[in-house]
Amino acid sequence: MPDIGLIPGRSFVGRIVECGWEVREDVLRKGDWVAGLLNIKKCGGLTEFIVVDRHRVHRVPHPKLLNRDTYTDAPSSLVFSSPPASPTSTVPVPHYSLTIEELALLPLCGVPAYRAVRTFTYAFSSMRDNLSSGSIKRTPSERTQHGPIRSDSYGHQNSAIHGGKIPHLNLIDHENGRRRRALVLRGHDGIGAMALQMLVHRGWRVCVHVPFIASPPNVPTAQAVADRFMEEIEERIRNWGAEEVIFDDGEILGVDEGRGAIVRVIDGLMEDGDAFDVVLDTIGGKEVREAAERLLRSPGRRTGVDDNDVGRNRNGKSGARGGMGQFTTIVGDNPERVIPSAGDMFRAGLRSLKFGTGSAGVATPSSDKSSSENVHLRNADNKGSKVGYAWINISQDLDYEGKDVGDTIGSLVELAMEYGIKPWVGAEYAPVKRVGEEHEDLRSGEVGITAGSGFDHWEGRRIVSFEKAPDIFVDSGPLNSGGTVVVKIAT
């Protein structure tokens, strides 16, 4: 048999054709629709048939088809364990459906995002005098203001608030009523977009960084494309609930893949006096980590009153971040190494533990520790500011709580179905044309002009057939800047 080489593709959705004899029917059975995430060391998702460990898949509802909003009675239908709303409850429980494309992206984007958000939750809940979710107490006025407490998919309790995607104020995440603030790098797509929605759902104030597209030289429509890019991105992100969108300058020097532009954005935020509680890094690189740590150490100088902020200090000002922050990265210090070396893991462990410095920190219980996801707080400078460090290693099978990939996918399905937290799929039709060539829009019949990037839409084609799959693995393609693509193997 000839050597085929690496077959790309990690995240997938499909139906089970056979199950191993050790797989119980109450877990998975033949004919079920499942979504899964393959090991980064093997991949192989771009094939018609996949052999996968049962701990890396989870049963999902039947995908939404064209003009189809309800589920079938097939064995793949999923019944959630959360109880229905009581007849006297005034809080509506939204119900959403998922397309097959959204299900295909859910594990790839959602698993790292979910684990990253959990590091934020644990880092700040650890600082509240060992406060557990079962010990939350509220006054009658607070219960009236925020609604009944219910348990969400993150394992903590939150308060339900009327209105679509209005955030559920999670009392454990926040301090004295002050909503914490997060900076998500490349939060317009992929992992960052999922994390953004999860944080907004938990009541966080989120600022999103977006990489700007480089304007092609000597193209008359370049400015129009740039304006369209910013308008569409900002509208999408604000619909997800973010309070601020920041575009970088789009300059890529050498092989830094935009990290220099991100550092300039972070330094600019610090100079402007912005203060953040957490930074989620989806790019990687030592320079990004160091810039983010400087930002988290900065106390900021917020003087305005935020009408949407539920907590204010005695002077009536928006509460500033006090003394600690959390930096969580998906990629680590060496983005060029997809699979981290033992040395990378060792250095990350030392960084999270701040081993040998004697600095005081908050350590996780030994049962919750993991070599790749330690959530410890460390002294960041001589003034005693603390910055926690966590690395969500994509090659890790278990998270720091011991949940495997399949368990996490199950939690993601519940979040998507109950609260509409989904991956961004993008536009399906984006004909590939040369610069200046006219084309007809397949959806609306309108004629447009391609402006330099090789695609009608600035995002490019996001859903492609199997035959077109090689076209997406190119420089400046749709996978740039944290983008994702769905490949249809069978129709």
Protein backbone atom coordinates (compact mmCIF):
# COMPACT_ATOMS: atom_id res chain seq x y z
CA MET A 1 0.00 0.00 0.00
CA PRO A 2 1.50 3.39 -0.96
CA ASP A 3 2.41 5.91 1.71
CA ILE A 4 -0.47 8.39 1.76
CA GLY A 5 1.01 10.85 4.24
CA LEU A 6 -0.89 13.11 6.61
CA ILE A 7 -4.64 13.36 6.09
CA PRO A 8 -5.83 16.67 7.59
CA GLY A 9 -9.03 17.29 9.47
CA ARG A 10 -9.79 16.87 13.17
CA SER A 11 -13.38 17.87 13.85
CA PHE A 12 -16.19 15.88 12.24
CA VAL A 13 -19.87 15.00 12.35
CA GLY A 14 -21.54 11.90 10.94
CA ARG A 15 -23.49 8.72 11.68
CA ILE A 16 -22.17 5.60 13.35
CA VAL A 17 -22.01 2.57 11.06
CA GLU A 18 -20.51 0.17 13.62
CA CYS A 19 -19.70 0.19 17.34
CA GLY A 20 -17.13 -1.80 19.27
CA TRP A 21 -18.43 -4.53 21.54
CA GLU A 22 -17.32 -2.62 24.66
CA VAL A 23 -19.41 0.45 23.79
CA ARG A 24 -22.68 0.36 25.73
CA GLU A 25 -25.87 1.17 23.84
CA ASP A 26 -26.88 3.82 26.36
CA VAL A 27 -23.69 5.70 25.39
CA LEU A 28 -23.54 5.20 21.62
CA ARG A 29 -25.17 2.87 19.16
CA LYS A 30 -25.36 2.20 15.46
CA GLY A 31 -27.22 4.90 13.54
CA ASP A 32 -26.57 7.69 16.05
CA TRP A 33 -25.45 11.08 14.87
CA VAL A 34 -22.21 12.00 16.63
CA ALA A 35 -19.67 14.81 16.61
CA GLY A 36 -16.06 14.28 17.57
CA LEU A 37 -12.52 15.60 17.66
CA LEU A 38 -9.59 13.47 16.51
CA ASN A 39 -6.17 13.45 18.16
CA ILE A 40 -3.90 16.21 16.84
CA LYS A 41 -1.10 13.65 16.36
CA LYS A 42 -3.19 11.60 13.92
CA CYS A 43 -5.93 13.78 12.39
CA GLY A 44 -7.51 12.01 9.38
CA GLY A 45 -10.93 13.66 9.35
CA LEU A 46 -11.05 14.17 5.57
CA THR A 47 -12.04 10.58 4.85
CA GLU A 48 -15.36 8.89 4.23
CA PHE A 49 -15.00 6.51 7.20
CA ILE A 50 -13.28 7.24 10.53
CA VAL A 51 -12.28 4.95 13.38
CA VAL A 52 -12.38 6.96 16.61
CA ASP A 53 -12.19 6.28 20.34
CA ARG A 54 -15.54 6.57 22.11
CA HIS A 55 -14.07 9.12 24.56
CA ARG A 56 -13.61 11.55 21.66
CA VAL A 57 -17.19 11.56 20.36
CA HIS A 58 -20.59 12.46 21.75
CA ARG A 59 -24.13 11.91 20.55
CA VAL A 60 -25.71 15.00 18.97
CA PRO A 61 -29.20 15.86 17.72
CA HIS A 62 -30.14 15.23 14.13
CA PRO A 63 -28.67 18.13 12.13
CA LYS A 64 -31.02 20.83 10.97
CA LEU A 65 -31.82 20.44 7.29
CA LEU A 66 -33.27 22.93 4.84
CA ASN A 67 -36.65 24.20 6.09
CA ARG A 68 -36.49 21.83 9.00
CA ASP A 69 -36.67 23.15 12.57
CA THR A 70 -37.74 20.09 14.53
CA TYR A 71 -36.12 16.84 15.52
CA THR A 72 -37.04 13.38 14.41
CA ASP A 73 -37.84 10.41 16.61
CA ALA A 74 -34.76 8.59 15.37
CA PRO A 75 -32.37 7.06 17.92
CA SER A 76 -30.01 9.97 17.35
CA SER A 77 -32.45 12.41 18.93
CA LEU A 78 -30.95 13.83 22.09
CA VAL A 79 -32.82 14.33 25.34
CA PHE A 80 -31.08 16.68 27.74
CA SER A 81 -30.90 16.03 31.45
CA SER A 82 -31.79 19.59 32.47
CA PRO A 83 -35.36 19.81 33.79
CA PRO A 84 -37.95 21.80 31.87
CA ALA A 85 -39.07 25.17 33.14
CA SER A 86 -41.83 25.03 35.74
CA PRO A 87 -45.29 26.30 34.76
CA THR A 88 -44.92 29.24 37.16
CA SER A 89 -41.51 30.29 35.86
CA THR A 90 -41.39 33.63 34.05
CA VAL A 91 -38.00 32.92 32.49
CA PRO A 92 -38.24 31.57 28.92
CA VAL A 93 -35.91 28.74 27.98
CA PRO A 94 -34.76 29.35 24.39
CA HIS A 95 -34.39 26.46 22.01
CA TYR A 96 -31.98 26.51 19.10
CA SER A 97 -31.12 24.07 16.34
CA LEU A 98 -27.76 23.25 14.79
CA THR A 99 -26.91 22.76 11.14
CA ILE A 100 -24.57 19.99 10.07
CA GLU A 101 -21.87 22.61 9.37
CA GLU A 102 -22.19 24.04 12.88
CA LEU A 103 -22.00 20.56 14.36
CA ALA A 104 -18.85 19.87 12.34
CA LEU A 105 -17.13 22.94 13.80
CA LEU A 106 -18.49 22.62 17.33
CA PRO A 107 -15.76 20.30 18.71
CA LEU A 108 -12.88 22.09 16.97
CA CYS A 109 -13.83 25.56 18.17
CA GLY A 110 -15.75 24.71 21.30
CA VAL A 111 -13.52 22.29 23.22
CA PRO A 112 -10.54 24.67 23.63
CA ALA A 113 -12.86 27.65 24.21
CA TYR A 114 -14.83 25.82 26.89
CA ARG A 115 -11.69 24.72 28.71
CA ALA A 116 -10.22 28.22 28.52
CA VAL A 117 -13.33 29.82 30.01
CA ARG A 118 -13.22 27.25 32.80
CA THR A 119 -9.72 28.44 33.73
CA PHE A 120 -11.10 31.96 34.18
CA THR A 121 -13.94 30.68 36.32
CA TYR A 122 -11.65 28.67 38.54
CA ALA A 123 -8.99 31.38 38.86
CA PHE A 124 -11.40 33.93 40.27
CA SER A 125 -13.63 31.59 42.24
CA SER A 126 -10.46 30.39 44.02
CA MET A 127 -9.94 33.90 45.37
CA ARG A 128 -13.30 34.14 47.08
CA ASP A 129 -12.50 32.47 50.38
CA ASN A 130 -12.96 28.99 48.92
CA LEU A 131 -16.48 29.92 47.89
CA SER A 132 -18.38 27.00 46.38
CA SER A 133 -21.40 27.19 44.16
CA GLY A 134 -23.51 25.60 46.86
CA SER A 135 -22.74 28.38 49.34
CA ILE A 136 -24.06 31.26 47.26
CA LYS A 137 -26.59 33.31 49.20
CA ARG A 138 -28.56 36.28 47.97
CA THR A 139 -30.96 38.71 49.53
CA PRO A 140 -34.63 38.75 48.45
CA SER A 141 -33.99 41.99 46.54
CA GLU A 142 -31.13 40.36 44.63
CA ARG A 143 -33.32 37.39 43.77
CA THR A 144 -35.96 39.77 42.47
CA GLN A 145 -33.44 41.70 40.40
CA HIS A 146 -31.56 38.82 38.82
CA GLY A 147 -34.16 36.08 38.64
CA PRO A 148 -34.07 32.50 39.91
CA ILE A 149 -30.75 30.70 40.27
CA ARG A 150 -30.24 27.76 37.96
CA SER A 151 -27.31 25.54 37.14
CA ASP A 152 -25.65 25.97 33.77
CA SER A 153 -23.38 23.77 31.71
CA TYR A 154 -20.25 25.16 33.34
CA GLY A 155 -20.95 23.49 36.66
CA HIS A 156 -21.80 26.73 38.47
CA GLN A 157 -24.99 28.57 39.27
CA ASN A 158 -26.13 31.66 37.50
CA SER A 159 -29.11 33.94 37.35
CA ALA A 160 -31.43 33.84 34.39
CA ILE A 161 -32.29 37.19 32.81
CA HIS A 162 -34.99 37.86 30.26
CA GLY A 163 -34.19 38.40 26.65
CA GLY A 164 -32.44 36.16 24.14
CA LYS A 165 -28.69 36.29 24.61
CA ILE A 166 -28.71 38.72 27.54
CA PRO A 167 -25.86 37.54 29.80
CA HIS A 168 -26.54 35.31 32.77
CA LEU A 169 -24.73 36.99 35.65
CA ASN A 170 -22.61 34.26 37.20
CA LEU A 171 -21.98 35.28 40.79
CA ILE A 172 -18.84 33.16 41.10
CA ASP A 173 -17.09 34.82 38.15
CA HIS A 174 -17.55 38.36 39.39
CA GLU A 175 -16.45 40.28 42.46
CA ASN A 176 -18.82 42.31 44.67
CA GLY A 177 -21.21 42.74 41.77
CA ARG A 178 -18.53 44.14 39.43
CA ARG A 179 -18.62 42.48 36.04
CA ARG A 180 -15.15 41.33 35.09
CA ARG A 181 -13.61 42.35 31.79
CA ALA A 182 -11.93 40.10 29.22
CA LEU A 183 -9.78 40.70 26.14
CA VAL A 184 -10.16 37.99 23.49
CA LEU A 185 -7.54 37.97 20.74
CA ARG A 186 -9.00 37.09 17.35
CA GLY A 187 -12.45 36.78 18.84
CA HIS A 188 -14.19 37.22 15.49
CA ASP A 189 -13.91 33.57 14.43
CA GLY A 190 -12.97 30.07 15.50
CA ILE A 191 -12.05 29.42 19.13
CA GLY A 192 -12.11 33.10 20.03
CA ALA A 193 -15.68 33.55 18.79
CA MET A 194 -16.92 30.62 20.87
CA ALA A 195 -15.11 31.89 23.98
CA LEU A 196 -16.57 35.36 23.42
CA GLN A 197 -20.12 34.01 23.41
CA MET A 198 -19.49 31.89 26.51
CA LEU A 199 -18.05 34.84 28.44
CA VAL A 200 -20.93 37.13 27.45
CA HIS A 201 -23.34 34.41 28.52
CA ARG A 202 -21.71 34.42 31.95
CA GLY A 203 -22.01 38.18 32.30
CA TRP A 204 -18.50 39.24 31.36
CA ARG A 205 -17.67 42.48 29.58
CA VAL A 206 -15.69 41.45 26.51
CA CYS A 207 -13.34 43.41 24.27
CA VAL A 208 -12.45 41.67 21.00
CA HIS A 209 -9.31 42.06 18.90
CA VAL A 210 -9.69 41.49 15.15
CA PRO A 211 -6.83 41.27 12.62
CA PHE A 212 -7.28 43.80 9.85
CA ILE A 213 -7.02 42.65 6.24
CA ALA A 214 -4.10 44.08 4.30
CA SER A 215 -5.34 46.33 1.52
CA PRO A 216 -4.09 45.21 -1.91
CA PRO A 217 -2.00 47.92 -3.61
CA ASN A 218 -3.33 49.73 -6.68
CA VAL A 219 -6.81 48.22 -6.41
CA PRO A 220 -9.58 50.84 -6.73
CA THR A 221 -12.02 48.92 -4.56
CA ALA A 222 -9.56 48.16 -1.75
CA GLN A 223 -10.98 50.80 0.60
CA ALA A 224 -14.53 49.61 -0.06
CA VAL A 225 -13.52 46.06 0.81
CA ALA A 226 -11.85 47.26 4.02
CA ASP A 227 -14.93 49.25 5.03
CA ARG A 228 -17.19 46.28 4.32
CA PHE A 229 -14.86 44.05 6.32
CA MET A 230 -14.98 46.26 9.41
CA GLU A 231 -18.72 46.83 9.22
CA GLU A 232 -19.59 43.15 8.93
CA ILE A 233 -17.15 42.07 11.62
CA GLU A 234 -18.26 44.70 14.12
CA GLU A 235 -21.94 43.98 13.54
CA ARG A 236 -21.41 40.26 14.05
CA ILE A 237 -19.34 40.66 17.21
CA ARG A 238 -21.72 43.17 18.78
CA ASN A 239 -24.62 40.84 18.04
CA TRP A 240 -22.76 38.26 20.12
CA GLY A 241 -22.71 40.75 23.01
CA ALA A 242 -19.19 42.20 22.99
CA GLU A 243 -18.87 45.77 24.21
CA GLU A 244 -15.85 46.80 22.11
CA VAL A 245 -14.14 45.75 18.87
CA ILE A 246 -10.52 46.71 18.15
CA PHE A 247 -8.88 46.24 14.74
CA ASP A 248 -5.11 46.08 14.51
CA ASP A 249 -3.08 47.81 11.80
CA GLY A 250 -2.84 44.68 9.64
CA GLU A 251 0.93 44.91 9.23
CA ILE A 252 2.68 41.54 9.10
CA LEU A 253 6.45 41.84 9.32
CA GLY A 254 8.45 38.80 8.24
CA VAL A 255 7.04 35.59 9.67
CA ASP A 256 5.44 36.99 12.83
CA GLU A 257 1.95 36.12 11.47
CA GLY A 258 0.51 39.32 12.89
CA ARG A 259 1.86 38.99 16.42
CA GLY A 260 3.61 42.34 16.16
CA ALA A 261 0.32 44.04 15.32
CA ILE A 262 -1.32 42.37 18.30
CA VAL A 263 1.43 43.55 20.64
CA ARG A 264 0.90 47.10 19.39
CA VAL A 265 -2.82 46.80 20.11
CA ILE A 266 -2.18 45.55 23.65
CA ASP A 267 0.38 48.28 24.34
CA GLY A 268 -2.08 50.86 23.06
CA LEU A 269 -4.78 49.59 25.42
CA MET A 270 -2.38 49.91 28.35
CA GLU A 271 -1.42 53.45 27.34
CA ASP A 272 -5.10 54.37 27.15
CA GLY A 273 -5.62 53.17 30.71
CA ASP A 274 -7.78 50.16 29.92
CA ALA A 275 -7.85 47.48 32.61
CA PHE A 276 -8.68 43.82 32.07
CA ASP A 277 -9.13 40.84 34.35
CA VAL A 278 -8.26 38.18 31.77
CA VAL A 279 -6.68 37.83 28.34
CA LEU A 280 -7.42 34.87 26.08
CA ASP A 281 -4.61 34.28 23.58
CA THR A 282 -5.50 32.34 20.43
CA ILE A 283 -2.33 33.30 18.49
CA GLY A 284 0.58 32.27 20.68
CA GLY A 285 4.10 33.60 20.98
CA LYS A 286 6.28 34.82 23.80
CA GLU A 287 5.91 38.46 22.80
CA VAL A 288 2.11 38.25 22.97
CA ARG A 289 2.25 36.65 26.42
CA GLU A 290 4.63 39.28 27.77
CA ALA A 291 2.53 42.13 26.40
CA ALA A 292 -0.65 40.60 27.85
CA GLU A 293 0.98 40.20 31.26
CA ARG A 294 1.98 43.87 31.23
CA LEU A 295 -1.62 44.79 30.46
CA LEU A 296 -2.97 42.58 33.25
CA ARG A 297 -0.56 44.12 35.76
CA SER A 298 -1.73 47.59 34.82
CA PRO A 299 -4.42 48.85 37.24
CA GLY A 300 -5.97 51.06 34.55
CA ARG A 301 -7.70 54.32 35.13
CA ARG A 302 -11.38 53.83 34.46
CA THR A 303 -13.21 56.95 35.55
CA GLY A 304 -16.45 56.71 33.61
CA VAL A 305 -19.63 55.03 34.79
CA ASP A 306 -20.76 52.01 32.82
CA ASP A 307 -24.53 51.89 32.66
CA ASN A 308 -24.38 48.18 31.92
CA ASP A 309 -22.04 47.42 34.82
CA VAL A 310 -23.87 45.92 37.77
CA GLY A 311 -21.23 46.94 40.29
CA ARG A 312 -19.97 50.40 41.24
CA ASN A 313 -17.74 51.54 44.05
CA ARG A 314 -18.65 54.07 46.71
CA ASN A 315 -17.65 56.97 44.47
CA GLY A 316 -20.07 55.79 41.79
CA LYS A 317 -17.31 54.83 39.39
CA SER A 318 -16.93 51.61 37.50
CA GLY A 319 -14.93 49.19 39.61
CA ALA A 320 -11.35 48.78 38.46
CA ARG A 321 -9.53 45.50 38.40
CA GLY A 322 -7.90 44.85 41.72
CA GLY A 323 -4.54 43.13 42.02
CA MET A 324 -4.86 39.98 39.91
CA GLY A 325 -5.41 38.76 36.40
CA GLN A 326 -5.45 35.58 34.37
CA PHE A 327 -3.67 34.86 31.08
CA THR A 328 -4.79 31.76 29.21
CA THR A 329 -3.29 30.68 25.91
CA ILE A 330 -4.46 28.08 23.41
CA VAL A 331 -1.17 27.94 21.51
CA GLY A 332 1.72 28.54 23.91
CA ASP A 333 5.02 30.33 23.38
CA ASN A 334 6.02 28.39 20.25
CA PRO A 335 3.21 28.51 17.65
CA GLU A 336 5.45 26.84 15.06
CA ARG A 337 5.30 23.60 17.08
CA VAL A 338 1.76 22.30 16.80
CA ILE A 339 2.62 19.34 19.03
CA PRO A 340 4.53 20.73 22.03
CA SER A 341 7.80 19.19 23.12
CA ALA A 342 8.56 17.96 26.61
CA GLY A 343 10.61 21.11 27.15
CA ASP A 344 7.64 23.29 26.20
CA MET A 345 5.45 21.48 28.69
CA PHE A 346 8.08 21.71 31.43
CA ARG A 347 8.59 25.45 30.98
CA ALA A 348 4.85 26.06 30.91
CA GLY A 349 4.48 24.10 34.13
CA LEU A 350 7.18 26.16 35.83
CA ARG A 351 5.56 29.35 34.60
CA SER A 352 2.17 28.42 35.96
CA LEU A 353 3.61 27.29 39.29
CA LYS A 354 6.26 30.03 39.55
CA PHE A 355 8.39 27.27 41.03
CA GLY A 356 11.20 28.21 43.41
CA THR A 357 10.38 31.90 43.84
CA GLY A 358 8.64 31.60 47.17
CA SER A 359 5.84 33.85 45.97
CA ALA A 360 2.44 33.33 47.43
CA GLY A 361 -0.20 31.96 45.14
CA VAL A 362 -3.48 30.14 45.02
CA ALA A 363 -3.02 26.50 44.08
CA THR A 364 -5.61 24.12 42.74
CA PRO A 365 -6.40 20.96 44.68
CA SER A 366 -4.13 18.09 43.74
CA SER A 367 -7.01 16.17 42.22
CA ASP A 368 -7.61 18.99 39.74
CA LYS A 369 -4.04 19.42 38.53
CA SER A 370 -2.92 18.72 34.98
CA SER A 371 0.46 19.16 33.36
CA SER A 372 -1.03 21.37 30.66
CA GLU A 373 -3.76 23.27 32.47
CA ASN A 374 -2.47 24.46 35.83
CA VAL A 375 -4.34 27.52 37.00
CA HIS A 376 -2.13 29.14 39.59
CA LEU A 377 -1.62 32.74 40.53
CA ARG A 378 1.84 34.20 40.74
CA ASN A 379 3.43 37.47 41.78
CA ALA A 380 3.92 39.43 38.58
CA ASP A 381 5.95 42.37 39.82
CA ASN A 382 7.40 43.97 42.91
CA LYS A 383 4.09 45.63 43.74
CA GLY A 384 2.45 42.27 44.38
CA SER A 385 0.15 42.15 41.36
CA LYS A 386 -0.71 38.59 40.45
CA VAL A 387 -1.13 37.11 36.99
CA GLY A 388 -2.24 33.53 36.59
CA TYR A 389 -1.07 31.42 33.66
CA ALA A 390 -2.80 28.52 31.93
CA TRP A 391 -2.05 26.71 28.70
CA ILE A 392 -4.91 24.79 27.09
CA ASN A 393 -2.85 22.29 25.16
CA ILE A 394 -4.81 21.02 22.16
CA SER A 395 -3.04 17.66 22.34
CA GLN A 396 -4.37 17.01 25.85
CA ASP A 397 -7.09 14.37 26.08
CA LEU A 398 -8.38 15.38 29.53
CA ASP A 399 -8.92 18.81 31.00
CA TYR A 400 -7.74 19.74 34.49
CA GLU A 401 -11.04 18.50 35.96
CA GLY A 402 -10.67 15.07 34.37
CA LYS A 403 -13.34 15.54 31.67
CA ASP A 404 -12.54 13.93 28.34
CA VAL A 405 -13.26 15.36 24.90
CA GLY A 406 -16.60 13.57 24.60
CA ASP A 407 -17.83 14.98 27.91
CA THR A 408 -16.88 18.48 26.84
CA ILE A 409 -18.68 18.09 23.50
CA GLY A 410 -21.79 17.07 25.43
CA SER A 411 -21.60 20.30 27.44
CA LEU A 412 -21.11 22.28 24.23
CA VAL A 413 -24.20 20.74 22.66
CA GLU A 414 -26.28 21.80 25.66
CA LEU A 415 -24.91 25.35 25.47
CA ALA A 416 -25.69 25.51 21.77
CA MET A 417 -29.20 24.10 22.09
CA GLU A 418 -30.25 26.09 25.15
CA TYR A 419 -28.44 29.40 24.64
CA GLY A 420 -27.48 29.55 20.96
CA ILE A 421 -23.71 29.53 21.58
CA LYS A 422 -22.47 28.24 18.22
CA PRO A 423 -19.35 28.36 16.04
CA TRP A 424 -19.26 30.87 13.22
CA VAL A 425 -19.74 29.09 9.90
CA GLY A 426 -19.75 32.02 7.50
CA ALA A 427 -21.06 32.35 3.97
CA GLU A 428 -21.30 29.21 1.86
CA TYR A 429 -21.18 30.84 -1.55
CA ALA A 430 -18.08 32.89 -2.39
CA PRO A 431 -16.98 32.23 -5.98
CA VAL A 432 -13.22 32.27 -6.52
CA LYS A 433 -12.35 34.85 -9.18
CA ARG A 434 -9.38 36.90 -10.27
CA VAL A 435 -8.89 40.53 -9.35
CA GLY A 436 -11.37 42.79 -11.12
CA GLU A 437 -13.31 39.93 -12.71
CA GLU A 438 -17.07 40.18 -12.67
CA HIS A 439 -19.13 37.39 -11.19
CA GLU A 440 -22.71 36.63 -10.29
CA ASP A 441 -23.70 36.15 -6.67
CA LEU A 442 -25.26 32.67 -6.41
CA ARG A 443 -27.59 33.77 -3.61
CA SER A 444 -28.97 37.10 -4.74
CA GLY A 445 -28.19 37.19 -8.47
CA GLU A 446 -26.27 40.45 -8.05
CA VAL A 447 -23.05 41.13 -9.91
CA GLY A 448 -19.99 42.19 -7.93
CA ILE A 449 -16.28 42.81 -8.33
CA THR A 450 -13.60 40.78 -6.60
CA ALA A 451 -11.13 43.05 -4.85
CA GLY A 452 -7.74 41.47 -4.77
CA SER A 453 -7.92 38.71 -2.20
CA GLY A 454 -8.97 36.04 -4.69
CA PHE A 455 -12.44 35.71 -3.14
CA ASP A 456 -15.72 37.56 -3.59
CA HIS A 457 -16.18 37.73 0.17
CA TRP A 458 -13.30 38.83 2.39
CA GLU A 459 -13.66 35.60 4.38
CA GLY A 460 -13.43 33.40 1.32
CA ARG A 461 -15.31 30.19 0.81
CA ARG A 462 -16.07 28.66 4.21
CA ILE A 463 -18.05 25.57 3.15
CA VAL A 464 -16.53 23.56 0.30
CA SER A 465 -16.95 20.21 -1.37
CA PHE A 466 -14.36 17.48 -0.91
CA GLU A 467 -12.99 18.07 -4.41
CA LYS A 468 -12.20 21.70 -3.53
CA ALA A 469 -10.48 20.88 -0.23
CA PRO A 470 -6.90 21.37 -1.55
CA ASP A 471 -7.75 24.98 -2.42
CA ILE A 472 -8.19 25.96 1.23
CA PHE A 473 -4.69 24.89 2.34
CA VAL A 474 -2.97 27.86 0.70
CA ASP A 475 -1.32 31.06 1.87
CA SER A 476 -3.76 33.93 2.49
CA GLY A 477 -6.64 31.46 2.28
CA PRO A 478 -9.73 31.21 4.49
CA LEU A 479 -7.71 29.50 7.26
CA ASN A 480 -5.74 32.70 7.81
CA SER A 481 -6.16 34.69 11.04
CA GLY A 482 -7.94 31.95 12.95
CA GLY A 483 -10.46 31.08 10.25
CA THR A 484 -12.23 27.75 9.85
CA VAL A 485 -13.57 25.78 6.89
CA VAL A 486 -16.12 22.96 6.63
CA VAL A 487 -15.46 20.29 4.01
CA LYS A 488 -18.41 18.19 2.87
CA ILE A 489 -17.23 14.60 2.44
CA ALA A 490 -20.60 13.07 1.55
CA THR A 491 -23.88 14.69 0.58
